[in-house]
Protein backbone atom coordinates (compact mmCIF):
# COMPACT_ATOMS: atom_id res chain seq x y z
CA MET A 1 -19.22 -31.31 -23.51
CA LYS A 2 -20.88 -31.49 -20.13
CA THR A 3 -18.22 -33.89 -18.55
CA TYR A 4 -15.22 -30.99 -20.49
CA LEU A 5 -17.24 -28.07 -18.66
CA LEU A 6 -17.62 -30.20 -15.48
CA ILE A 7 -13.90 -30.76 -15.55
CA ALA A 8 -13.20 -27.05 -16.90
CA THR A 9 -14.84 -26.23 -13.85
CA PHE A 10 -13.52 -27.93 -10.94
CA LEU A 11 -10.26 -27.33 -11.91
CA THR A 12 -11.01 -23.11 -12.06
CA LEU A 13 -12.12 -24.23 -8.86
CA HIS A 14 -9.26 -26.33 -7.24
CA PHE A 15 -7.06 -23.69 -8.94
CA SER A 16 -8.57 -20.43 -7.19
CA GLY A 17 -8.16 -22.59 -4.07
CA ILE A 18 -5.35 -22.71 -4.09
CA ALA A 19 -3.87 -19.78 -5.80
CA GLN A 20 -4.91 -16.89 -3.67
CA TYR A 21 -3.22 -15.07 -0.11
CA ASN A 22 -1.78 -18.65 2.00
CA SER A 23 1.79 -19.14 3.63
CA ASP A 24 2.11 -21.30 0.32
CA ASN A 25 1.80 -19.11 -2.32
CA LEU A 26 3.85 -16.22 -0.85
CA LYS A 27 7.16 -15.97 0.45
CA LEU A 28 9.08 -13.06 2.87
CA ALA A 29 12.91 -13.11 0.80
CA VAL A 30 14.77 -13.45 4.45
CA ASN A 31 18.42 -14.13 3.01
CA ALA A 32 20.64 -12.58 4.28
CA TYR A 33 21.76 -10.43 0.99
CA SER A 34 18.00 -8.98 0.44
CA ILE A 35 18.31 -8.35 4.80
CA GLU A 36 21.57 -5.82 3.83
CA ARG A 37 20.68 -4.61 0.20
CA TYR A 38 16.54 -3.63 1.88
CA THR A 39 18.12 -2.02 5.23
CA PHE A 40 19.05 1.53 5.71
CA GLU A 41 19.45 3.68 8.73
CA ASN A 42 15.58 2.61 10.62
CA LEU A 43 13.78 0.76 8.17
CA ARG A 44 13.89 -2.72 6.72
CA ILE A 45 11.52 -3.65 3.60
CA TYR A 46 11.31 -7.39 3.17
CA PRO A 47 9.92 -8.63 0.05
CA ILE A 48 7.29 -10.65 -1.00
CA ARG A 49 7.57 -13.23 -3.67
CA ALA A 50 4.81 -14.90 -5.03
CA ASN A 51 5.27 -18.70 -6.78
CA ASP A 52 3.71 -18.98 -10.25
CA VAL A 53 0.61 -20.41 -9.12
CA PHE A 54 -0.39 -17.20 -7.76
CA ARG A 55 0.29 -14.98 -10.83
CA GLY A 56 -0.49 -17.70 -12.84
CA TYR A 57 -3.76 -17.49 -11.42
CA HIS A 58 -3.97 -13.51 -11.25
CA GLN A 59 -2.48 -12.64 -14.86
CA SER A 60 -6.15 -12.34 -15.76
CA VAL A 61 -6.72 -9.34 -13.61
CA GLY A 62 -4.86 -7.10 -15.91
CA THR A 63 -3.22 -3.29 -15.42
CA PHE A 64 -4.30 -0.53 -13.89
CA LYS A 65 -3.11 3.08 -13.98
CA ASN A 66 -1.95 4.71 -10.48
CA LEU A 67 -4.40 7.75 -9.06
CA GLU A 68 -0.91 9.84 -8.74
CA SER A 69 -0.02 9.40 -12.71
CA ALA A 70 -3.53 9.87 -13.42
CA ILE A 71 -3.76 13.19 -11.88
CA GLU A 72 -0.64 14.12 -13.62
CA ASP A 73 -2.38 13.63 -16.78
CA ASP A 74 -6.11 14.93 -15.98
CA ASP A 75 -6.54 11.76 -16.93
CA ILE A 76 -8.88 11.81 -13.78
CA GLU A 77 -10.58 14.61 -12.37
CA VAL A 78 -11.49 14.47 -8.31
CA THR A 79 -13.61 17.02 -7.13
CA GLU A 80 -15.98 18.24 -4.53
CA LEU A 81 -19.15 15.75 -4.16
CA SER A 82 -21.25 19.57 -4.35
CA ALA A 83 -20.41 23.05 -4.38
CA SER A 84 -21.23 22.88 -0.46
CA GLY A 85 -18.45 20.18 0.08
CA THR A 86 -19.15 16.66 1.95
CA VAL A 87 -15.71 16.90 4.21
CA ASN A 88 -15.79 12.28 4.02
CA LYS A 89 -17.24 11.94 0.77
CA LEU A 90 -15.63 13.47 -3.21
CA PHE A 91 -16.19 12.93 -7.29
CA ALA A 92 -14.04 11.14 -9.26
CA GLU A 93 -14.29 10.77 -13.25
CA ASN A 94 -12.50 8.81 -15.36
CA LYS A 95 -11.31 10.54 -18.32
CA SER A 96 -9.31 8.43 -19.88
CA ALA A 97 -9.49 5.19 -21.73
CA ASP A 98 -7.43 3.04 -18.96
CA THR A 99 -8.34 1.22 -16.18
CA LEU A 100 -7.45 3.69 -12.40
CA TYR A 101 -6.29 1.74 -9.46
CA VAL A 102 -7.27 4.01 -6.64
CA MET A 103 -5.86 2.98 -2.89
CA ALA A 104 -6.82 3.88 0.73
CA GLY A 105 -4.38 6.17 2.61
CA GLU A 106 -3.36 8.23 -0.77
CA VAL A 107 -3.57 12.33 -0.01
CA VAL A 108 -4.32 14.86 -2.70
CA LYS A 109 -4.53 18.27 -2.62
CA GLY A 110 -6.77 21.45 -3.06
CA GLY A 111 -10.37 21.42 -2.91
CA LYS A 112 -11.81 23.04 -0.15
CA GLN A 113 -9.48 20.93 2.21
CA ASP A 114 -6.79 18.09 1.40
CA ARG A 115 -8.23 14.59 2.00
CA VAL A 116 -6.58 11.23 2.45
CA ILE A 117 -8.82 8.93 0.47
CA GLY A 118 -10.90 5.79 2.49
CA GLN A 119 -11.54 3.16 -0.15
CA ASP A 120 -9.72 1.13 -2.35
CA ILE A 121 -11.00 1.11 -5.68
CA VAL A 122 -10.83 0.42 -9.50
CA ILE A 123 -12.46 3.32 -11.54
CA GLY A 124 -13.15 2.28 -14.86
CA PRO A 125 -12.86 3.81 -18.32
CA GLY A 126 -15.24 6.98 -17.98
CA GLU A 127 -16.48 5.64 -14.83
CA LYS A 128 -17.79 8.32 -12.34
CA VAL A 129 -17.91 7.65 -8.39
CA ASN A 130 -18.27 8.72 -5.30
CA LEU A 131 -15.02 8.55 -2.38
CA ALA A 132 -14.57 7.96 1.00
CA ALA A 133 -12.30 10.32 2.09
CA PHE A 134 -10.49 12.25 5.58
CA CYS A 135 -9.77 15.80 5.78
CA VAL A 136 -6.20 16.12 6.42
CA GLU A 137 -6.31 19.94 6.93
CA GLN A 138 -8.20 20.84 9.37
CA GLY A 139 -8.33 24.79 9.55
CA ARG A 140 -8.57 25.35 6.08
CA TRP A 141 -12.41 24.87 4.14
CA THR A 142 -12.20 27.50 1.15
CA HIS A 143 -12.93 27.66 -1.90
CA SER A 144 -9.73 26.33 -3.84
CA ALA A 145 -7.78 27.73 -6.81
CA THR A 146 -9.58 25.88 -9.68
CA LYS A 147 -12.58 23.91 -10.67
CA GLY A 148 -13.95 20.66 -12.10
CA GLU A 149 -15.92 20.89 -14.95
CA ASN A 150 -18.78 20.27 -12.83
CA GLY A 151 -18.02 23.44 -11.44
CA ASN A 152 -16.87 22.19 -8.03
CA ASP A 153 -14.01 22.18 -6.00
CA LYS A 154 -10.95 20.64 -7.74
CA PHE A 155 -8.29 18.32 -6.16
CA ASP A 156 -5.00 18.95 -8.68
CA GLY A 157 -2.44 18.09 -7.03
CA TYR A 158 -1.02 14.11 -5.15
CA PHE A 159 1.12 13.86 -2.33
CA ASN A 160 1.65 10.09 -1.50
CA THR A 161 0.32 7.84 0.79
CA SER A 162 0.18 9.38 4.24
CA SER A 163 1.66 7.60 7.24
CA LYS A 164 1.12 4.05 8.97
CA GLU A 165 -0.93 6.17 11.64
CA VAL A 166 -3.42 8.58 9.30
CA ARG A 167 -3.86 5.17 6.79
CA LYS A 168 -4.76 3.31 10.02
CA ALA A 169 -7.21 5.37 11.00
CA ALA A 170 -8.73 5.93 7.81
CA ILE A 171 -8.67 2.96 6.75
CA VAL A 172 -9.93 0.38 9.94
CA ASP A 173 -10.80 2.60 12.52
CA LYS A 174 -12.75 5.22 10.15
CA ASN A 175 -12.58 7.81 12.68
CA GLN A 176 -12.68 11.61 11.43
CA ARG A 177 -11.13 13.24 14.98
CA LYS A 178 -8.19 10.05 14.56
CA VAL A 179 -6.93 11.28 11.36
CA TRP A 180 -6.96 14.67 12.55
CA ASP A 181 -5.27 13.54 16.52
CA LYS A 182 -2.22 11.60 14.01
CA VAL A 183 -2.15 14.49 11.33
CA ALA A 184 -1.59 16.84 14.25
CA GLU A 185 0.78 13.78 15.64
CA VAL A 186 3.16 13.25 12.67
CA THR A 187 3.06 17.15 11.98
CA GLU A 188 4.57 18.03 15.92
CA VAL A 189 7.24 15.81 16.01
CA ASN A 190 8.85 16.43 12.95
CA ASP A 191 8.02 20.15 13.51
CA VAL A 192 5.94 21.18 10.97
CA ASN A 193 4.00 24.64 11.52
CA THR A 194 1.54 24.81 9.62
CA SER A 195 -1.23 27.05 10.14
CA THR A 196 -4.38 25.31 8.41
CA GLY A 197 -3.24 21.53 10.17
CA ALA A 198 -2.20 20.35 6.86
CA TYR A 199 -0.21 16.96 6.77
CA THR A 200 1.13 17.89 3.39
CA ALA A 201 2.62 20.47 5.22
CA LEU A 202 5.29 18.11 5.68
CA GLY A 203 6.35 18.61 1.35
CA GLY A 204 7.27 22.06 2.52
CA ASP A 205 9.22 21.59 5.19
CA LYS A 206 13.52 21.27 4.54
CA ASP A 207 14.33 18.66 7.24
CA TYR A 208 11.16 16.25 5.94
CA LYS A 209 12.49 16.22 2.53
CA GLN A 210 16.08 15.90 3.01
CA SER A 211 15.20 12.48 5.20
CA ILE A 212 12.52 11.48 2.80
CA ASP A 213 14.66 11.73 -0.28
CA LYS A 214 17.32 9.92 1.88
CA TYR A 215 15.86 6.70 2.03
CA MET A 216 14.04 7.07 -1.19
CA LYS A 217 17.50 6.81 -2.90
CA GLN A 218 17.74 3.32 -1.59
CA PHE A 219 15.04 1.68 -1.83
CA ARG A 220 13.13 3.82 -4.39
CA SER A 221 12.17 1.65 -7.46
CA ALA A 222 13.23 -1.14 -5.88
CA TRP A 223 11.41 -4.53 -6.96
CA ASP A 224 10.77 -2.44 -10.66
CA SER A 225 11.82 -5.52 -12.37
CA ASP A 226 11.41 -8.16 -9.86
CA ASN A 227 7.47 -9.21 -11.59
CA LYS A 228 7.56 -12.67 -8.75
CA VAL A 229 7.35 -9.04 -6.55
CA VAL A 230 3.32 -8.11 -5.20
CA GLY A 231 4.30 -6.90 -1.69
CA VAL A 232 6.65 -6.23 1.51
CA VAL A 233 6.67 -5.98 4.86
CA ALA A 234 8.36 -2.39 6.11
CA VAL A 235 9.65 -2.52 9.95
CA THR A 236 11.49 -0.25 12.14
CA GLY A 237 12.54 -1.06 15.81
CA ASP A 238 11.45 -3.88 16.90
CA LYS A 239 8.10 -3.58 15.25
CA VAL A 240 6.44 -3.96 11.85
CA ILE A 241 4.59 -0.91 10.33
CA ALA A 242 2.76 -2.26 7.40
CA ALA A 243 2.57 -4.75 5.16
CA ASP A 244 1.06 -4.45 1.33
CA ILE A 245 0.73 -7.40 -1.09
CA PHE A 246 -1.23 -7.18 -4.28
CA ALA A 247 -2.29 -9.80 -6.85
CA THR A 248 -0.05 -8.76 -9.22
CA HIS A 249 3.23 -7.29 -9.88
CA ASN A 250 1.63 -5.02 -11.88
CA LEU A 251 -0.63 -3.79 -8.83
CA PHE A 252 2.29 -3.60 -6.52
CA VAL A 253 4.92 -1.41 -8.25
CA ASN A 254 2.29 1.55 -9.58
CA SER A 255 0.99 1.52 -4.99
CA TYR A 256 5.58 0.82 -3.80
CA ASN A 257 6.95 4.01 -4.31
CA SER A 258 3.62 6.31 -3.10
CA LEU A 259 3.07 3.48 0.23
CA LEU A 260 7.25 3.52 0.63
CA HIS A 261 6.64 7.36 1.63
CA SER A 262 4.35 5.83 4.36
CA TYR A 263 6.88 3.95 6.01
CA THR A 264 9.74 6.10 5.45
CA THR A 265 7.16 8.98 7.25
CA ASP A 266 7.21 6.55 10.07
CA ALA A 267 10.82 5.18 9.97
CA ILE A 268 11.95 9.30 10.49
CA THR A 269 9.20 10.05 12.89
CA THR A 270 9.29 7.31 15.34
CA GLY A 271 11.12 4.44 14.31
CA GLU A 272 14.68 3.31 15.51
CA ALA A 273 17.37 1.09 14.54
CA VAL A 274 16.08 -2.45 13.35
CA THR A 275 15.92 -5.19 15.65
CA ILE A 276 13.39 -7.17 14.31
CA THR A 277 14.22 -10.07 13.68
CA SER A 278 13.19 -12.75 10.75
CA GLU A 279 11.01 -14.46 12.53
CA ALA A 280 9.22 -12.52 14.19
CA VAL A 281 8.37 -10.60 10.58
CA GLN A 282 8.18 -14.00 8.95
CA LYS A 283 5.36 -15.17 12.20
CA TYR A 284 3.64 -12.00 11.81
CA LEU A 285 2.98 -12.23 8.31
CA ASP A 286 2.22 -16.31 8.91
CA ASN A 287 -0.49 -14.61 11.52
CA PHE A 288 -2.89 -14.04 8.56
CA LEU A 289 -1.57 -15.93 5.53
CA LYS A 290 -1.84 -19.59 7.85
CA ASP A 291 -5.40 -20.25 7.93
CA GLU A 292 -7.22 -18.05 5.18
CA GLU A 293 -11.06 -19.49 5.63
CA ASN A 294 -10.95 -16.76 8.71
CA GLN A 295 -8.75 -14.25 6.73
CA GLU A 296 -11.09 -11.71 6.91
CA LYS A 297 -11.84 -11.52 9.79
CA ALA A 298 -8.29 -12.48 11.24
CA LEU A 299 -7.31 -8.11 9.78
CA GLU A 300 -10.47 -6.83 11.11
CA GLY A 301 -9.33 -4.27 13.32
CA ILE A 302 -5.73 -4.31 12.11
CA GLY A 303 -5.72 -4.17 8.70
CA SER A 304 -8.48 -4.42 5.12
CA MET A 305 -8.89 -6.37 2.39
CA PHE A 306 -9.83 -4.92 -1.25
CA LYS A 307 -12.06 -6.67 -3.71
CA HIS A 308 -12.83 -6.39 -6.54
CA LYS A 309 -15.30 -8.93 -9.31
CA LYS A 310 -14.58 -11.02 -6.37
CA ARG A 311 -11.16 -11.20 -6.61
CA LYS A 312 -8.57 -9.84 -3.80
CA LEU A 313 -6.76 -7.41 -5.09
CA HIS A 314 -4.59 -5.57 -2.52
CA MET A 315 -4.77 -6.64 2.09
CA THR A 316 -2.80 -4.07 4.52
CA THR A 317 -1.90 -5.24 7.99
CA PHE A 318 -0.77 -2.23 10.53
C-alpha cells in the first residue's frame, strides 16, 4: 500500500511539474489563417492553445460564473464596505450556489462612486469577502439609488473590463492617483465629457460605442467552441496591449468578452494598424513562459499572477 501511495504521490508531483504555464504547454497560434481571421483595423488577437497535459491537469479546477452574469442575476451583492464608504475596499456576498470568479480590472457601477476591482478573487457559495478596489469616478461621492441588504450603497451595474493603462494602474501600480490619471486620459482622447470624471461615461458616447460594436462584432465569442484556447495576446501597431492566460477554457470564455472591451478601448484610443510581427509576439510570450521557476519575479512590474488553492488560475501581462 505504501508503495502505491509513493508512486501516486510521485506521479502527481511529476505531472503537476510538467503541466504548468510554460512554452511546452501553451502555444501561440501564428498560422496565416488565424492572423488574417483575427485582425481587424487596429487590433489583432492571437489565441493561446493549451496541450492535453495542461488541460488534463487543470480540469479539476471546476467551473465558475463571472461577475457580469452574477450581477445581472442578482447572485452577488456588491456594496460599500460601510455607510460612510471606503474608497479602496468594497464588500461582496455570493448569494448563489455557484462559485464566482471576479477579475481585477472589471468595473462596477453604482455605490458612492464607480470602482474598478483591484484583485482577482474566487468567491464560494454563500461566502462574504472584502474586495480591493479603486475609484474610476473622481468627481462623485454620493448615495446610490439602491441599497444592499446591509443598508450600504449598492453596486448594481457592470461595465466590462477597463483599458490597459487603467488596469495596469490598479493591478500593478496599485496607485489611486495613476488610476484617475489614466481614466482622464482615455476619456479625453475619446472626447467624452463627464462631469464626475467617470470611466463609465465612455459607454454613453455614440462614437465610442459604434467603434466598440464594430470590434465586438468581429471578435466576440471567437473561441467559445474551441476548448483548447485558454488565453490570448492582444496587439496594436508595433506593441502588445496585454496577454491574459487562464487555467481552463471555462475561465477564459467567461472573461474574454469583457476583456475584449479592454483591448478594443486601447485599439481605438491609442492604437494603429498592426505592424508587429508574430515572431515579436512569440518572443514577448516566451519572456515569462520559458522560465517558470522565476515566472512570478519576471511578472513584477508588468503583470500579475492569481493563485487559488495553490493553483495558478490567471496570468496577466501588459
